[in-house]
N, C-alpha and C. Protein backbone atom coordinates (compact mmCIF):
# COMPACT_ATOMS: atom_id res chain seq x y z
N MET A 1 219.03 67.08 245.37
CA MET A 1 218.78 68.37 245.34
C MET A 1 217.45 68.33 244.95
N ASN A 2 216.11 68.67 245.91
CA ASN A 2 215.03 68.49 245.49
C ASN A 2 214.51 69.74 245.38
N ILE A 3 214.34 69.73 244.14
CA ILE A 3 213.05 70.80 242.93
C ILE A 3 211.86 70.48 243.29
N PRO A 4 210.66 71.61 243.17
CA PRO A 4 209.75 71.32 243.13
C PRO A 4 209.30 70.81 241.98
N ILE A 5 208.34 69.77 241.81
CA ILE A 5 207.48 69.27 241.11
C ILE A 5 206.28 70.79 240.52
N PHE A 6 206.49 70.59 239.19
CA PHE A 6 205.69 72.12 238.29
C PHE A 6 204.57 71.38 237.61
N SER A 7 203.53 72.80 237.78
CA SER A 7 202.48 72.34 237.37
C SER A 7 202.61 71.98 235.75
N GLN A 8 201.72 71.69 234.80
CA GLN A 8 201.57 71.20 233.31
C GLN A 8 202.13 72.82 232.94
N ALA A 9 201.19 73.68 233.61
CA ALA A 9 200.65 75.29 232.83
C ALA A 9 202.15 75.80 233.03
N ALA A 10 203.25 75.31 234.37
CA ALA A 10 204.62 76.08 234.99
C ALA A 10 205.78 75.47 233.50
N ILE A 11 205.30 74.19 233.60
CA ILE A 11 206.50 73.13 232.82
C ILE A 11 206.31 74.00 231.32
N PHE A 12 205.08 74.35 230.53
CA PHE A 12 205.08 74.89 229.62
C PHE A 12 205.86 76.08 229.59
N ARG A 13 205.63 77.15 230.19
CA ARG A 13 206.18 78.68 230.19
C ARG A 13 207.74 78.10 230.44
N LEU A 14 208.02 77.09 231.60
CA LEU A 14 209.23 76.58 231.46
C LEU A 14 210.22 76.48 230.07
N GLN A 15 209.45 75.85 229.94
CA GLN A 15 210.15 75.24 228.17
C GLN A 15 210.19 76.36 227.33
N GLN A 16 209.22 77.28 227.41
CA GLN A 16 209.28 78.79 226.47
C GLN A 16 210.21 79.57 226.57
N LEU A 17 210.56 79.56 227.75
CA LEU A 17 211.67 80.39 228.75
C LEU A 17 213.10 79.55 228.40
N ALA A 18 213.25 78.48 227.82
CA ALA A 18 214.42 77.98 227.75
C ALA A 18 214.76 77.65 226.35
N GLY A 19 213.41 78.00 225.72
CA GLY A 19 213.78 78.13 224.18
C GLY A 19 214.35 79.50 223.55
N ALA A 20 213.46 80.71 224.17
CA ALA A 20 213.94 81.97 224.28
C ALA A 20 215.51 82.23 224.79
N VAL A 21 216.19 81.57 225.85
CA VAL A 21 217.25 81.69 226.27
C VAL A 21 218.12 80.83 225.44
N HIS A 22 217.70 79.94 225.10
CA HIS A 22 218.99 79.14 223.84
C HIS A 22 219.33 80.32 222.47
N LYS A 23 217.97 80.68 222.02
CA LYS A 23 217.79 81.13 220.82
C LYS A 23 218.85 82.57 221.09
N HIS A 24 218.92 83.47 222.34
CA HIS A 24 219.44 84.04 222.49
C HIS A 24 221.01 83.69 222.86
N SER A 25 221.21 82.79 223.50
CA SER A 25 222.75 82.96 224.15
C SER A 25 223.63 81.36 223.66
N GLY A 26 222.63 80.36 223.10
CA GLY A 26 223.12 79.20 222.14
C GLY A 26 223.49 78.32 223.10
N VAL A 27 223.13 78.70 224.41
CA VAL A 27 223.12 77.29 226.03
C VAL A 27 221.50 76.37 225.82
N ARG A 28 221.77 75.24 225.21
CA ARG A 28 220.85 74.89 226.00
C ARG A 28 220.43 73.88 227.33
N HIS A 29 219.56 74.65 228.13
CA HIS A 29 219.36 73.75 229.71
C HIS A 29 218.81 72.52 229.62
N LYS A 30 219.37 71.63 230.26
CA LYS A 30 218.64 69.93 230.46
C LYS A 30 217.35 70.48 231.59
N LEU A 31 216.46 70.54 230.91
CA LEU A 31 214.99 70.57 232.33
C LEU A 31 215.28 69.69 233.19
N SER A 32 215.06 68.41 232.85
CA SER A 32 215.22 67.12 234.07
C SER A 32 216.83 67.25 234.88
N GLU A 33 217.48 68.21 235.08
CA GLU A 33 218.65 67.81 235.99
C GLU A 33 218.85 69.50 236.94
N PRO A 34 218.78 69.05 237.80
CA PRO A 34 218.10 70.37 238.57
C PRO A 34 218.99 71.66 238.58
N ASN A 35 220.56 71.34 238.78
CA ASN A 35 221.08 72.00 238.48
C ASN A 35 221.06 73.16 236.86
N ASN A 36 220.88 72.43 235.60
CA ASN A 36 220.62 73.01 234.57
C ASN A 36 219.89 73.84 235.06
N LEU A 37 218.61 73.29 235.38
CA LEU A 37 217.38 74.59 235.72
C LEU A 37 217.88 75.67 236.53
N LEU A 38 218.25 75.38 237.81
CA LEU A 38 218.48 76.66 238.64
C LEU A 38 219.21 77.59 237.59
N MET A 39 220.35 77.28 236.59
CA MET A 39 221.06 78.06 236.20
C MET A 39 220.54 78.43 234.83
N LEU A 40 219.38 78.10 234.34
CA LEU A 40 218.51 78.66 233.32
C LEU A 40 217.34 79.72 234.08
N LEU A 41 217.13 79.47 235.49
CA LEU A 41 216.30 80.40 236.23
C LEU A 41 216.94 81.82 236.80
N ARG A 42 218.24 81.61 236.97
CA ARG A 42 219.27 82.35 237.34
C ARG A 42 219.61 83.17 236.16
N TYR A 43 219.94 83.04 235.32
CA TYR A 43 220.48 83.51 233.76
C TYR A 43 219.46 84.38 233.52
N ALA A 44 217.97 83.54 233.66
CA ALA A 44 216.73 84.53 232.93
C ALA A 44 216.14 85.43 233.49
N SER A 45 216.62 85.51 235.34
CA SER A 45 216.04 86.61 235.97
C SER A 45 216.97 87.36 235.94
N GLN A 46 218.07 87.55 235.39
CA GLN A 46 218.83 88.72 234.68
C GLN A 46 218.59 89.19 233.70
N ALA A 47 217.76 88.82 232.70
CA ALA A 47 216.65 89.13 231.66
C ALA A 47 217.56 89.84 230.84
N PRO A 48 218.33 89.15 230.11
CA PRO A 48 219.39 89.81 228.66
C PRO A 48 218.86 90.59 227.88
N THR A 49 217.70 90.35 227.76
CA THR A 49 216.36 90.82 226.50
C THR A 49 215.39 91.01 227.16
N PRO A 50 214.03 91.91 226.20
CA PRO A 50 212.94 91.87 226.98
C PRO A 50 212.06 90.64 226.94
N GLY A 51 212.26 89.82 225.64
CA GLY A 51 211.27 88.89 225.86
C GLY A 51 212.13 87.90 226.33
N ILE A 52 213.16 87.58 226.98
CA ILE A 52 213.69 86.67 228.12
C ILE A 52 212.84 86.97 229.56
N ALA A 53 212.80 88.45 229.79
CA ALA A 53 211.98 88.78 230.98
C ALA A 53 210.80 88.73 230.82
N MET A 54 210.03 89.08 229.90
CA MET A 54 208.30 88.74 229.81
C MET A 54 208.21 87.00 229.63
N GLN A 55 209.23 85.96 229.57
CA GLN A 55 208.71 85.06 229.77
C GLN A 55 209.30 84.28 230.77
N TYR A 56 210.61 85.10 231.62
CA TYR A 56 210.65 84.52 233.31
C TYR A 56 209.60 84.72 233.83
N GLN A 57 209.14 86.30 233.65
CA GLN A 57 207.74 87.01 234.90
C GLN A 57 206.94 85.99 234.35
N ALA A 58 206.49 85.51 233.01
CA ALA A 58 205.15 84.57 232.67
C ALA A 58 205.35 83.12 233.75
N PHE A 59 206.50 82.56 233.97
CA PHE A 59 206.70 81.60 234.22
C PHE A 59 206.87 81.74 235.99
N ILE A 60 207.07 82.95 236.20
CA ILE A 60 207.27 83.18 238.41
C ILE A 60 205.87 83.34 238.48
N ARG A 61 204.78 83.78 237.59
CA ARG A 61 203.51 83.90 237.28
C ARG A 61 202.36 82.63 238.13
N ILE A 62 202.95 82.04 237.26
CA ILE A 62 201.97 80.78 237.22
C ILE A 62 202.36 79.61 238.54
N LEU A 63 203.75 80.21 239.50
CA LEU A 63 203.83 79.37 240.20
C LEU A 63 202.88 79.33 241.69
N ASN A 64 202.98 78.50 242.24
CA ASN A 64 202.08 78.54 243.12
C ASN A 64 203.29 78.83 244.70
N ARG A 65 202.79 79.50 246.07
CA ARG A 65 203.49 79.94 247.13
C ARG A 65 204.61 79.15 247.22
N THR A 66 204.29 78.04 247.63
CA THR A 66 205.30 76.56 248.00
C THR A 66 206.79 76.34 246.60
N GLU A 67 206.08 76.69 245.17
CA GLU A 67 207.35 76.22 244.47
C GLU A 67 207.99 77.57 244.10
N LYS A 68 207.04 78.97 244.78
CA LYS A 68 208.47 80.52 244.59
C LYS A 68 208.76 80.35 245.64
N SER A 69 208.31 79.92 246.82
CA SER A 69 209.52 79.66 248.36
C SER A 69 210.39 78.71 248.24
N SER A 70 210.12 77.66 247.54
CA SER A 70 211.48 76.61 247.03
C SER A 70 212.53 77.44 246.23
N LEU A 71 212.47 78.00 245.21
CA LEU A 71 213.09 78.37 244.45
C LEU A 71 213.53 79.86 244.98
N GLN A 72 213.17 80.32 245.66
CA GLN A 72 213.62 81.64 246.40
C GLN A 72 215.34 81.08 247.35
N ALA A 73 214.45 79.54 248.32
CA ALA A 73 215.55 79.19 249.05
C ALA A 73 217.03 78.73 248.49
N ARG A 74 216.54 78.57 246.82
CA ARG A 74 217.67 78.14 246.30
C ARG A 74 218.79 79.16 245.23
N GLY A 75 217.95 80.28 245.93
CA GLY A 75 218.72 81.96 245.39
C GLY A 75 218.36 82.26 243.95
N VAL A 76 217.12 81.85 243.80
CA VAL A 76 216.41 82.10 242.52
C VAL A 76 215.93 83.40 242.76
N PRO A 77 216.00 84.43 242.15
CA PRO A 77 215.24 85.59 242.17
C PRO A 77 214.11 85.32 241.56
N LEU A 78 212.67 86.23 242.21
CA LEU A 78 211.79 86.05 241.93
C LEU A 78 211.11 87.18 240.59
N VAL A 79 211.75 88.06 240.76
CA VAL A 79 211.63 89.25 239.70
C VAL A 79 212.78 89.53 238.56
N ALA A 80 212.48 89.40 237.63
CA ALA A 80 213.60 89.88 236.41
C ALA A 80 213.88 91.11 236.83
N SER A 81 215.35 91.74 236.25
CA SER A 81 215.68 92.67 236.07
C SER A 81 215.48 92.98 234.46
N ILE A 82 214.65 93.86 234.44
CA ILE A 82 214.52 94.77 233.01
C ILE A 82 215.71 95.54 232.42
N PRO A 83 216.36 95.00 231.64
CA PRO A 83 217.22 95.54 230.52
C PRO A 83 216.78 97.23 230.98
N ALA A 84 217.75 98.33 230.45
CA ALA A 84 217.71 99.35 230.62
C ALA A 84 216.85 99.53 228.68
N GLU A 85 216.92 98.94 228.21
CA GLU A 85 216.37 99.52 226.71
C GLU A 85 214.88 98.93 226.45
N ALA A 86 214.36 98.06 227.22
CA ALA A 86 213.50 96.97 227.29
C ALA A 86 212.31 98.24 228.26
N THR A 87 212.93 98.75 229.07
CA THR A 87 212.43 100.19 229.84
C THR A 87 212.15 101.39 229.08
N GLU A 88 213.23 101.85 228.38
CA GLU A 88 212.65 102.68 227.09
C GLU A 88 211.62 102.55 226.17
N LEU A 89 211.72 101.24 225.71
CA LEU A 89 210.63 100.87 224.18
C LEU A 89 209.49 100.60 225.39
N GLY A 90 209.17 100.43 226.56
CA GLY A 90 207.92 100.65 226.76
C GLY A 90 207.41 102.11 227.44
N ARG A 91 208.29 103.13 227.74
CA ARG A 91 207.61 103.85 227.91
C ARG A 91 207.36 104.74 226.57
N GLU A 92 208.50 104.32 225.32
CA GLU A 92 207.59 104.95 224.05
C GLU A 92 206.31 104.46 223.67
N ALA A 93 205.69 103.01 224.55
CA ALA A 93 205.05 102.32 223.63
C ALA A 93 203.50 103.00 224.70
N VAL A 94 203.27 103.62 225.87
CA VAL A 94 202.81 104.34 226.61
C VAL A 94 202.01 105.37 226.11
């Protein structure tokens, strides 16, 4: 499986995302293995917490068009589904 080579900034965001997911779920995703990387991104795209949603979106924003296309071709959504409680918190903050 050919996963794109990410920039240093994207790798930094990916590591932050992996840490947030590990803290929430207790599951470690080995970023050097393509299947684990895709599992992490698919899990994060479902955004079980607002923090994971923010980390996921920060990672996606850094990617270039080719990297985004490659991930989309592998079934990775490019937008996190934000939990209902996160949208409620956002309304209160405005």
